[in-house]
Amino acid sequence: MDKTYRLLDEAVELLGRRGFGRPRAALILGSGLGGLTDSFEERVAVDYAEIPGFPVPTVPGHAGRLVWGTLGGTPVVAMEGRFHFYEGHSQRQIAYAVWTLSSLGAETLVVTNAAGGLNPDFQPGDLMLITDHINFSGDNPLIGPNPQRFGPRFPDMSQAYTPECWELALEAAEKLGFGLRQGVYLSVSGPSFETPAEIRAFRRLGADAVGMSTVPEVIAAAHAGLKVLGISCIANMAAGMGAQKLSHQEVIQVTAQVQGRFRPLLTETVARLGR
């Protein structure tokens, strides 16, 4: 862990030199959702390639920048794009990004993603508040030496998604005049989309949405004692639940269409977190 801690210290020192302050909240913006940072005031951006320990995303819709600023009057830091297990990054590398955000001083992590809908009541374009998750990726970011600087060897996951953060998001959505779905997110390794048989199995397990991210970050955040809010954009209905073939282009198109609700929702929610 000594090398990891050195990289973290170097990353925080570099970001401080580049104008990053102490954030109240950190955001991880998923596929096609990174445009939220255009709304930041006092905006400062640093490419991942410049940050010690950060790999560079290879997936369309993930810009690969860490952005500092204020949103709804609250100081925040946001990842424009994330690292994925299927890109060849270890879940440990994915956790490193969360450790960096925590080391900057963030108290709350807001994770967003584009997901496939499993619940037949859902439809593309819905926003789903994540109430719990199922880790079906076959890995865990905490395997290996425990990063004692952040948390215990065996972290509790019974409230990985913080109920008080759900309430703030629900209040924000109500103020804005629309509702949020609520459900369980299941994480797979990817990069292939799931088969219809897998989708039937996941529905029986109690999942409402499926995706290829988020859970490693949430495990790392819960381990580090961060409050967590998770929001999925239902970008398509999963395999076997419709006639259309699945594609990443569809994901990008649908996330672009929800920006009119997604941006105000996060802005209002982050403002409430700041208070």
C-alpha atoms as a PDB file:
ATOM      1  CA  MET A   1       0.000   0.000   0.000  1.00  0.00           C
ATOM      2  CA  ASP A   2       2.948   2.378   0.461  1.00  0.00           C
ATOM      3  CA  LYS A   3       3.212   2.974  -3.319  1.00  0.00           C
ATOM      4  CA  THR A   4      -0.541   3.589  -3.547  1.00  0.00           C
ATOM      5  CA  TYR A   5      -0.425   6.095  -0.698  1.00  0.00           C
ATOM      6  CA  ARG A   6       2.489   7.911  -2.373  1.00  0.00           C
ATOM      7  CA  LEU A   7       0.537   8.157  -5.627  1.00  0.00           C
ATOM      8  CA  LEU A   8      -2.525   9.440  -3.756  1.00  0.00           C
ATOM      9  CA  ASP A   9      -0.477  12.102  -1.990  1.00  0.00           C
ATOM     10  CA  GLU A  10       1.074  13.146  -5.308  1.00  0.00           C
ATOM     11  CA  ALA A  11      -2.354  13.314  -6.958  1.00  0.00           C
ATOM     12  CA  VAL A  12      -3.840  15.465  -4.187  1.00  0.00           C
ATOM     13  CA  GLU A  13      -0.786  17.749  -4.195  1.00  0.00           C
ATOM     14  CA  LEU A  14      -0.994  18.216  -7.988  1.00  0.00           C
ATOM     15  CA  LEU A  15      -4.723  18.941  -7.910  1.00  0.00           C
ATOM     16  CA  GLY A  16      -4.206  21.480  -5.139  1.00  0.00           C
ATOM     17  CA  ARG A  17      -1.612  23.267  -7.273  1.00  0.00           C
ATOM     18  CA  ARG A  18      -4.059  23.308 -10.179  1.00  0.00           C
ATOM     19  CA  GLY A  19      -6.737  25.085  -8.143  1.00  0.00           C
ATOM     20  CA  PHE A  20      -8.813  22.282  -6.618  1.00  0.00           C
ATOM     21  CA  GLY A  21     -10.244  23.047  -3.188  1.00  0.00           C
ATOM     22  CA  ARG A  22     -11.988  20.834  -0.632  1.00  0.00           C
ATOM     23  CA  PRO A  23     -15.252  19.439  -2.066  1.00  0.00           C
ATOM     24  CA  ARG A  24     -18.365  18.692  -0.042  1.00  0.00           C
ATOM     25  CA  ALA A  25     -19.452  16.109  -2.618  1.00  0.00           C
ATOM     26  CA  ALA A  26     -17.827  14.085  -5.379  1.00  0.00           C
ATOM     27  CA  LEU A  27     -19.638  12.952  -8.524  1.00  0.00           C
ATOM     28  CA  ILE A  28     -18.863  10.096 -10.893  1.00  0.00           C
ATOM     29  CA  LEU A  29     -20.639  10.810 -14.177  1.00  0.00           C
ATOM     30  CA  GLY A  30     -21.402   7.767 -16.330  1.00  0.00           C
ATOM     31  CA  SER A  31     -21.888   7.178 -20.059  1.00  0.00           C
ATOM     32  CA  GLY A  32     -23.076  10.338 -21.801  1.00  0.00           C
ATOM     33  CA  LEU A  33     -23.728  12.155 -18.509  1.00  0.00           C
ATOM     34  CA  GLY A  34     -20.497  14.147 -18.195  1.00  0.00           C
ATOM     35  CA  GLY A  35     -22.041  17.335 -19.623  1.00  0.00           C
ATOM     36  CA  LEU A  36     -23.216  18.306 -16.146  1.00  0.00           C
ATOM     37  CA  THR A  37     -19.826  19.895 -15.477  1.00  0.00           C
ATOM     38  CA  ASP A  38     -20.653  22.614 -18.028  1.00  0.00           C
ATOM     39  CA  SER A  39     -22.914  23.992 -15.279  1.00  0.00           C
ATOM     40  CA  PHE A  40     -20.069  24.323 -12.749  1.00  0.00           C
ATOM     41  CA  GLU A  41     -19.002  27.769 -11.601  1.00  0.00           C
ATOM     42  CA  GLU A  42     -15.289  28.467 -10.913  1.00  0.00           C
ATOM     43  CA  ARG A  43     -14.577  25.467 -13.128  1.00  0.00           C
ATOM     44  CA  VAL A  44     -11.090  23.903 -13.222  1.00  0.00           C
ATOM     45  CA  ALA A  45     -10.399  20.712 -15.210  1.00  0.00           C
ATOM     46  CA  VAL A  46      -7.437  18.331 -15.252  1.00  0.00           C
ATOM     47  CA  ASP A  47      -7.113  15.415 -17.690  1.00  0.00           C
ATOM     48  CA  TYR A  48      -6.808  11.981 -16.113  1.00  0.00           C
ATOM     49  CA  ALA A  49      -3.561  11.494 -18.032  1.00  0.00           C
ATOM     50  CA  GLU A  50      -1.975  14.188 -15.825  1.00  0.00           C
ATOM     51  CA  ILE A  51      -3.115  12.712 -12.491  1.00  0.00           C
ATOM     52  CA  PRO A  52      -0.772  10.186 -10.828  1.00  0.00           C
ATOM     53  CA  GLY A  53      -2.396   6.749 -10.734  1.00  0.00           C
ATOM     54  CA  PHE A  54      -5.314   7.563 -13.050  1.00  0.00           C
ATOM     55  CA  PRO A  55      -5.741   5.493 -16.230  1.00  0.00           C
ATOM     56  CA  VAL A  56      -7.335   7.016 -19.326  1.00  0.00           C
ATOM     57  CA  PRO A  57     -10.874   5.872 -20.285  1.00  0.00           C
ATOM     58  CA  THR A  58     -11.305   4.235 -23.678  1.00  0.00           C
ATOM     59  CA  VAL A  59     -15.116   4.211 -23.900  1.00  0.00           C
ATOM     60  CA  PRO A  60     -17.131   6.748 -25.972  1.00  0.00           C
ATOM     61  CA  GLY A  61     -19.080   9.098 -23.702  1.00  0.00           C
ATOM     62  CA  HIS A  62     -16.331   9.171 -21.042  1.00  0.00           C
ATOM     63  CA  ALA A  63     -14.247  12.324 -21.512  1.00  0.00           C
ATOM     64  CA  GLY A  64     -11.527  11.496 -18.977  1.00  0.00           C
ATOM     65  CA  ARG A  65     -11.300  14.703 -16.936  1.00  0.00           C
ATOM     66  CA  LEU A  66     -11.495  15.524 -13.246  1.00  0.00           C
ATOM     67  CA  VAL A  67     -13.384  18.787 -12.777  1.00  0.00           C
ATOM     68  CA  TRP A  68     -13.540  21.079  -9.764  1.00  0.00           C
ATOM     69  CA  GLY A  69     -16.118  23.825  -9.226  1.00  0.00           C
ATOM     70  CA  THR A  70     -19.323  24.758  -7.462  1.00  0.00           C
ATOM     71  CA  LEU A  71     -22.762  23.338  -8.299  1.00  0.00           C
ATOM     72  CA  GLY A  72     -25.860  24.744  -6.660  1.00  0.00           C
ATOM     73  CA  GLY A  73     -23.531  26.751  -4.441  1.00  0.00           C
ATOM     74  CA  THR A  74     -21.795  23.593  -3.181  1.00  0.00           C
ATOM     75  CA  PRO A  75     -18.089  22.904  -3.821  1.00  0.00           C
ATOM     76  CA  VAL A  76     -17.816  19.664  -5.796  1.00  0.00           C
ATOM     77  CA  VAL A  77     -15.379  17.541  -7.749  1.00  0.00           C
ATOM     78  CA  ALA A  78     -16.582  15.403 -10.642  1.00  0.00           C
ATOM     79  CA  MET A  79     -15.171  12.576 -12.717  1.00  0.00           C
ATOM     80  CA  GLU A  80     -16.180  13.113 -16.343  1.00  0.00           C
ATOM     81  CA  GLY A  81     -16.158   9.443 -17.208  1.00  0.00           C
ATOM     82  CA  ARG A  82     -15.049   6.458 -15.182  1.00  0.00           C
ATOM     83  CA  PHE A  83     -12.779   3.401 -15.410  1.00  0.00           C
ATOM     84  CA  HIS A  84     -14.361   0.031 -16.149  1.00  0.00           C
ATOM     85  CA  PHE A  85     -13.378  -3.491 -15.193  1.00  0.00           C
ATOM     86  CA  TYR A  86     -13.981  -4.588 -18.803  1.00  0.00           C
ATOM     87  CA  GLU A  87     -11.385  -2.115 -20.097  1.00  0.00           C
ATOM     88  CA  GLY A  88      -8.749  -4.199 -18.357  1.00  0.00           C
ATOM     89  CA  HIS A  89      -8.470  -2.032 -15.241  1.00  0.00           C
ATOM     90  CA  SER A  90      -8.491  -3.906 -11.963  1.00  0.00           C
ATOM     91  CA  GLN A  91     -11.221  -3.109  -9.477  1.00  0.00           C
ATOM     92  CA  ARG A  92      -8.379  -1.904  -7.268  1.00  0.00           C
ATOM     93  CA  GLN A  93      -7.641   0.795  -9.865  1.00  0.00           C
ATOM     94  CA  ILE A  94     -11.315   1.713  -9.881  1.00  0.00           C
ATOM     95  CA  ALA A  95     -11.203   2.042  -6.078  1.00  0.00           C
ATOM     96  CA  TYR A  96      -8.131   4.288  -6.390  1.00  0.00           C
ATOM     97  CA  ALA A  97     -10.285   6.973  -7.999  1.00  0.00           C
ATOM     98  CA  VAL A  98     -12.649   6.910  -5.006  1.00  0.00           C
ATOM     99  CA  TRP A  99      -9.706   7.048  -2.590  1.00  0.00           C
ATOM    100  CA  THR A 100      -8.508  10.148  -4.457  1.00  0.00           C
ATOM    101  CA  LEU A 101     -11.911  11.826  -4.142  1.00  0.00           C
ATOM    102  CA  SER A 102     -11.992  10.953  -0.429  1.00  0.00           C
ATOM    103  CA  SER A 103      -8.450  12.273   0.044  1.00  0.00           C
ATOM    104  CA  LEU A 104      -9.529  15.595  -1.480  1.00  0.00           C
ATOM    105  CA  GLY A 105     -12.045  15.851   1.374  1.00  0.00           C
ATOM    106  CA  ALA A 106     -15.333  14.707  -0.186  1.00  0.00           C
ATOM    107  CA  GLU A 107     -17.903  13.537   2.368  1.00  0.00           C
ATOM    108  CA  THR A 108     -20.528  12.242  -0.089  1.00  0.00           C
ATOM    109  CA  LEU A 109     -20.144  10.310  -3.335  1.00  0.00           C
ATOM    110  CA  VAL A 110     -22.806  10.638  -6.034  1.00  0.00           C
ATOM    111  CA  VAL A 111     -22.525   7.846  -8.608  1.00  0.00           C
ATOM    112  CA  THR A 112     -24.440   7.874 -11.885  1.00  0.00           C
ATOM    113  CA  ASN A 113     -24.634   5.373 -14.694  1.00  0.00           C
ATOM    114  CA  ALA A 114     -26.552   4.264 -17.749  1.00  0.00           C
ATOM    115  CA  ALA A 115     -28.245   0.922 -17.137  1.00  0.00           C
ATOM    116  CA  GLY A 116     -30.498  -1.634 -18.760  1.00  0.00           C
ATOM    117  CA  GLY A 117     -33.992  -1.883 -17.322  1.00  0.00           C
ATOM    118  CA  LEU A 118     -35.117  -5.235 -15.901  1.00  0.00           C
ATOM    119  CA  ASN A 119     -38.285  -4.070 -14.199  1.00  0.00           C
ATOM    120  CA  PRO A 120     -41.166  -4.291 -16.710  1.00  0.00           C
ATOM    121  CA  ASP A 121     -42.653  -1.114 -15.223  1.00  0.00           C
ATOM    122  CA  PHE A 122     -39.595   0.863 -16.348  1.00  0.00           C
ATOM    123  CA  GLN A 123     -39.002   2.452 -19.727  1.00  0.00           C
ATOM    124  CA  PRO A 124     -35.989   4.055 -21.461  1.00  0.00           C
ATOM    125  CA  GLY A 125     -35.386   7.550 -20.126  1.00  0.00           C
ATOM    126  CA  ASP A 126     -36.486   6.784 -16.560  1.00  0.00           C
ATOM    127  CA  LEU A 127     -34.187   7.854 -13.726  1.00  0.00           C
ATOM    128  CA  MET A 128     -33.805   5.248 -10.979  1.00  0.00           C
ATOM    129  CA  LEU A 129     -32.656   5.895  -7.434  1.00  0.00           C
ATOM    130  CA  ILE A 130     -30.386   2.980  -6.481  1.00  0.00           C
ATOM    131  CA  THR A 131     -31.485   1.563  -3.120  1.00  0.00           C
ATOM    132  CA  ASP A 132     -29.137  -1.446  -3.068  1.00  0.00           C
ATOM    133  CA  HIS A 133     -26.944  -3.499  -5.366  1.00  0.00           C
ATOM    134  CA  ILE A 134     -25.923  -7.036  -6.298  1.00  0.00           C
ATOM    135  CA  ASN A 135     -22.260  -7.560  -7.146  1.00  0.00           C
ATOM    136  CA  PHE A 136     -22.248 -10.090 -10.000  1.00  0.00           C
ATOM    137  CA  SER A 137     -18.898  -8.969 -11.433  1.00  0.00           C
ATOM    138  CA  GLY A 138     -16.896 -11.815  -9.893  1.00  0.00           C
ATOM    139  CA  ASP A 139     -14.466  -9.442  -8.159  1.00  0.00           C
ATOM    140  CA  ASN A 140     -14.174  -6.944  -5.300  1.00  0.00           C
ATOM    141  CA  PRO A 141     -12.003  -3.798  -5.136  1.00  0.00           C
ATOM    142  CA  LEU A 142     -10.932  -4.570  -1.554  1.00  0.00           C
ATOM    143  CA  ILE A 143      -9.256  -7.888  -2.378  1.00  0.00           C
ATOM    144  CA  GLY A 144      -5.591  -7.590  -1.400  1.00  0.00           C
ATOM    145  CA  PRO A 145      -3.908  -5.597   1.374  1.00  0.00           C
ATOM    146  CA  ASN A 146      -6.455  -3.526   3.271  1.00  0.00           C
ATOM    147  CA  PRO A 147      -6.058   0.244   2.722  1.00  0.00           C
ATOM    148  CA  GLN A 148      -6.200   0.926   6.450  1.00  0.00           C
ATOM    149  CA  ARG A 149      -5.971   4.677   5.866  1.00  0.00           C
ATOM    150  CA  PHE A 150      -9.569   4.568   4.614  1.00  0.00           C
ATOM    151  CA  GLY A 151     -11.408   1.815   6.446  1.00  0.00           C
ATOM    152  CA  PRO A 152     -11.552  -1.615   8.109  1.00  0.00           C
ATOM    153  CA  ARG A 153     -10.754  -5.023   6.638  1.00  0.00           C
ATOM    154  CA  PHE A 154     -14.425  -6.084   6.684  1.00  0.00           C
ATOM    155  CA  PRO A 155     -16.651  -3.065   5.936  1.00  0.00           C
ATOM    156  CA  ASP A 156     -20.387  -3.168   6.582  1.00  0.00           C
ATOM    157  CA  MET A 157     -22.509  -2.914   3.425  1.00  0.00           C
ATOM    158  CA  SER A 158     -25.979  -2.998   4.990  1.00  0.00           C
ATOM    159  CA  GLN A 159     -26.561   0.663   4.057  1.00  0.00           C
ATOM    160  CA  ALA A 160     -24.119   1.185   1.223  1.00  0.00           C
ATOM    161  CA  TYR A 161     -26.579   3.698  -0.301  1.00  0.00           C
ATOM    162  CA  THR A 162     -27.343   6.316   2.344  1.00  0.00           C
ATOM    163  CA  PRO A 163     -31.085   6.706   3.095  1.00  0.00           C
ATOM    164  CA  GLU A 164     -30.773  10.401   3.982  1.00  0.00           C
ATOM    165  CA  CYS A 165     -29.273  11.008   0.527  1.00  0.00           C
ATOM    166  CA  TRP A 166     -32.211   9.173  -1.096  1.00  0.00           C
ATOM    167  CA  GLU A 167     -34.581  11.532   0.685  1.00  0.00           C
ATOM    168  CA  LEU A 168     -32.754  14.596  -0.623  1.00  0.00           C
ATOM    169  CA  ALA A 169     -32.917  13.273  -4.195  1.00  0.00           C
ATOM    170  CA  LEU A 170     -36.625  12.435  -3.866  1.00  0.00           C
ATOM    171  CA  GLU A 171     -37.333  15.914  -2.481  1.00  0.00           C
ATOM    172  CA  ALA A 172     -35.363  17.468  -5.348  1.00  0.00           C
ATOM    173  CA  ALA A 173     -37.279  15.463  -7.965  1.00  0.00           C
ATOM    174  CA  GLU A 174     -40.609  16.405  -6.374  1.00  0.00           C
ATOM    175  CA  LYS A 175     -39.660  20.082  -6.448  1.00  0.00           C
ATOM    176  CA  LEU A 176     -38.760  19.743 -10.137  1.00  0.00           C
ATOM    177  CA  GLY A 177     -42.069  18.091 -10.930  1.00  0.00           C
ATOM    178  CA  PHE A 178     -41.124  14.525 -11.853  1.00  0.00           C
ATOM    179  CA  GLY A 179     -40.762  11.198 -10.095  1.00  0.00           C
ATOM    180  CA  LEU A 180     -37.839   8.844  -9.581  1.00  0.00           C
ATOM    181  CA  ARG A 181     -37.985   5.106  -9.944  1.00  0.00           C
ATOM    182  CA  GLN A 182     -36.371   3.144  -7.125  1.00  0.00           C
ATOM    183  CA  GLY A 183     -34.658  -0.208  -7.368  1.00  0.00           C
ATOM    184  CA  VAL A 184     -31.738  -2.607  -7.062  1.00  0.00           C
ATOM    185  CA  TYR A 185     -28.788  -2.311  -9.457  1.00  0.00           C
ATOM    186  CA  LEU A 186     -26.915  -5.451 -10.506  1.00  0.00           C
ATOM    187  CA  SER A 187     -23.335  -5.138 -11.728  1.00  0.00           C
ATOM    188  CA  VAL A 188     -21.750  -7.484 -14.276  1.00  0.00           C
ATOM    189  CA  SER A 189     -18.236  -7.410 -15.695  1.00  0.00           C
ATOM    190  CA  GLY A 190     -19.156  -6.719 -19.345  1.00  0.00           C
ATOM    191  CA  PRO A 191     -18.319  -5.735 -22.022  1.00  0.00           C
ATOM    192  CA  SER A 192     -20.859  -7.977 -23.761  1.00  0.00           C
ATOM    193  CA  PHE A 193     -24.497  -7.187 -23.136  1.00  0.00           C
ATOM    194  CA  GLU A 194     -26.356  -9.861 -21.193  1.00  0.00           C
ATOM    195  CA  THR A 195     -28.242 -12.779 -22.725  1.00  0.00           C
ATOM    196  CA  PRO A 196     -32.018 -13.144 -22.319  1.00  0.00           C
ATOM    197  CA  ALA A 197     -31.429 -16.141 -20.017  1.00  0.00           C
ATOM    198  CA  GLU A 198     -29.128 -14.062 -17.806  1.00  0.00           C
ATOM    199  CA  ILE A 199     -31.715 -11.302 -17.651  1.00  0.00           C
ATOM    200  CA  ARG A 200     -34.394 -13.750 -16.539  1.00  0.00           C
ATOM    201  CA  ALA A 201     -32.031 -14.987 -13.811  1.00  0.00           C
ATOM    202  CA  PHE A 202     -31.202 -11.443 -12.653  1.00  0.00           C
ATOM    203  CA  ARG A 203     -34.884 -10.556 -12.411  1.00  0.00           C
ATOM    204  CA  ARG A 204     -35.417 -13.588 -10.184  1.00  0.00           C
ATOM    205  CA  LEU A 205     -32.556 -12.383  -7.988  1.00  0.00           C
ATOM    206  CA  GLY A 206     -34.481  -9.150  -7.406  1.00  0.00           C
ATOM    207  CA  ALA A 207     -32.586  -6.757  -9.666  1.00  0.00           C
ATOM    208  CA  ASP A 208     -34.374  -3.832 -11.342  1.00  0.00           C
ATOM    209  CA  ALA A 209     -31.486  -2.626 -13.520  1.00  0.00           C
ATOM    210  CA  VAL A 210     -28.205  -4.027 -14.802  1.00  0.00           C
ATOM    211  CA  GLY A 211     -24.939  -2.367 -15.771  1.00  0.00           C
ATOM    212  CA  MET A 212     -21.173  -2.699 -15.981  1.00  0.00           C
ATOM    213  CA  SER A 213     -19.977  -0.188 -13.397  1.00  0.00           C
ATOM    214  CA  THR A 214     -20.737   1.610 -10.116  1.00  0.00           C
ATOM    215  CA  VAL A 215     -20.591  -1.271  -7.623  1.00  0.00           C
ATOM    216  CA  PRO A 216     -16.753  -1.282  -7.237  1.00  0.00           C
ATOM    217  CA  GLU A 217     -16.889   2.476  -6.582  1.00  0.00           C
ATOM    218  CA  VAL A 218     -19.682   2.115  -4.030  1.00  0.00           C
ATOM    219  CA  ILE A 219     -17.859  -0.672  -2.181  1.00  0.00           C
ATOM    220  CA  ALA A 220     -14.758   1.537  -1.978  1.00  0.00           C
ATOM    221  CA  ALA A 221     -16.860   4.493  -0.816  1.00  0.00           C
ATOM    222  CA  ALA A 222     -18.667   2.487   1.871  1.00  0.00           C
ATOM    223  CA  HIS A 223     -15.300   1.167   3.066  1.00  0.00           C
ATOM    224  CA  ALA A 224     -14.016   4.750   3.309  1.00  0.00           C
ATOM    225  CA  GLY A 225     -17.066   5.931   5.279  1.00  0.00           C
ATOM    226  CA  LEU A 226     -18.512   8.132   2.535  1.00  0.00           C
ATOM    227  CA  LYS A 227     -22.230   8.748   2.197  1.00  0.00           C
ATOM    228  CA  VAL A 228     -23.443   7.464  -1.172  1.00  0.00           C
ATOM    229  CA  LEU A 229     -26.202   8.446  -3.574  1.00  0.00           C
ATOM    230  CA  GLY A 230     -26.677   6.389  -6.728  1.00  0.00           C
ATOM    231  CA  ILE A 231     -28.793   7.279  -9.780  1.00  0.00           C
ATOM    232  CA  SER A 232     -29.205   5.170 -12.924  1.00  0.00           C
ATOM    233  CA  CYS A 233     -30.492   6.397 -16.255  1.00  0.00           C
ATOM    234  CA  ILE A 234     -32.479   3.539 -17.766  1.00  0.00           C
ATOM    235  CA  ALA A 235     -31.028   3.705 -21.266  1.00  0.00           C
ATOM    236  CA  ASN A 236     -32.720   0.637 -22.740  1.00  0.00           C
ATOM    237  CA  MET A 237     -34.701  -2.412 -21.752  1.00  0.00           C
ATOM    238  CA  ALA A 238     -32.449  -5.419 -21.240  1.00  0.00           C
ATOM    239  CA  ALA A 239     -32.081  -8.377 -23.604  1.00  0.00           C
ATOM    240  CA  GLY A 240     -35.260 -10.333 -24.197  1.00  0.00           C
ATOM    241  CA  MET A 241     -37.508  -7.512 -22.948  1.00  0.00           C
ATOM    242  CA  GLY A 242     -37.927  -5.893 -26.358  1.00  0.00           C
ATOM    243  CA  ALA A 243     -37.399  -6.589 -30.038  1.00  0.00           C
ATOM    244  CA  GLN A 244     -34.571  -4.110 -30.531  1.00  0.00           C
ATOM    245  CA  LYS A 245     -30.910  -5.182 -30.528  1.00  0.00           C
ATOM    246  CA  LEU A 246     -28.788  -3.491 -27.864  1.00  0.00           C
ATOM    247  CA  SER A 247     -26.002  -1.014 -28.686  1.00  0.00           C
ATOM    248  CA  HIS A 248     -23.851   1.540 -26.887  1.00  0.00           C
ATOM    249  CA  GLN A 249     -24.979   4.174 -29.395  1.00  0.00           C
ATOM    250  CA  GLU A 250     -28.523   3.790 -28.086  1.00  0.00           C
ATOM    251  CA  VAL A 251     -27.199   4.339 -24.562  1.00  0.00           C
ATOM    252  CA  ILE A 252     -25.545   7.621 -25.571  1.00  0.00           C
ATOM    253  CA  GLN A 253     -28.673   8.801 -27.400  1.00  0.00           C
ATOM    254  CA  VAL A 254     -30.997   8.166 -24.455  1.00  0.00           C
ATOM    255  CA  THR A 255     -28.671   9.757 -21.888  1.00  0.00           C
ATOM    256  CA  ALA A 256     -28.526  12.850 -24.103  1.00  0.00           C
ATOM    257  CA  GLN A 257     -32.327  12.982 -24.109  1.00  0.00           C
ATOM    258  CA  VAL A 258     -32.598  12.904 -20.284  1.00  0.00           C
ATOM    259  CA  GLN A 259     -30.201  15.816 -19.709  1.00  0.00           C
ATOM    260  CA  GLY A 260     -33.151  18.175 -19.248  1.00  0.00           C
ATOM    261  CA  ARG A 261     -34.137  16.293 -16.083  1.00  0.00           C
ATOM    262  CA  PHE A 262     -30.782  14.842 -15.049  1.00  0.00           C
ATOM    263  CA  ARG A 263     -28.881  18.131 -14.758  1.00  0.00           C
ATOM    264  CA  PRO A 264     -31.516  19.974 -12.672  1.00  0.00           C
ATOM    265  CA  LEU A 265     -31.962  16.903 -10.466  1.00  0.00           C
ATOM    266  CA  LEU A 266     -28.270  16.657  -9.614  1.00  0.00           C
ATOM    267  CA  THR A 267     -27.923  20.419  -9.230  1.00  0.00           C
ATOM    268  CA  GLU A 268     -30.841  20.601  -6.789  1.00  0.00           C
ATOM    269  CA  THR A 269     -29.745  17.470  -4.927  1.00  0.00           C
ATOM    270  CA  VAL A 270     -26.148  18.659  -4.568  1.00  0.00           C
ATOM    271  CA  ALA A 271     -27.400  22.038  -3.299  1.00  0.00           C
ATOM    272  CA  ARG A 272     -29.351  20.166  -0.613  1.00  0.00           C
ATOM    273  CA  LEU A 273     -26.312  18.053   0.245  1.00  0.00           C
ATOM    274  CA  GLY A 274     -24.345  21.262   0.698  1.00  0.00           C
ATOM    275  CA  ARG A 275     -26.876  22.567   3.184  1.00  0.00           C
END
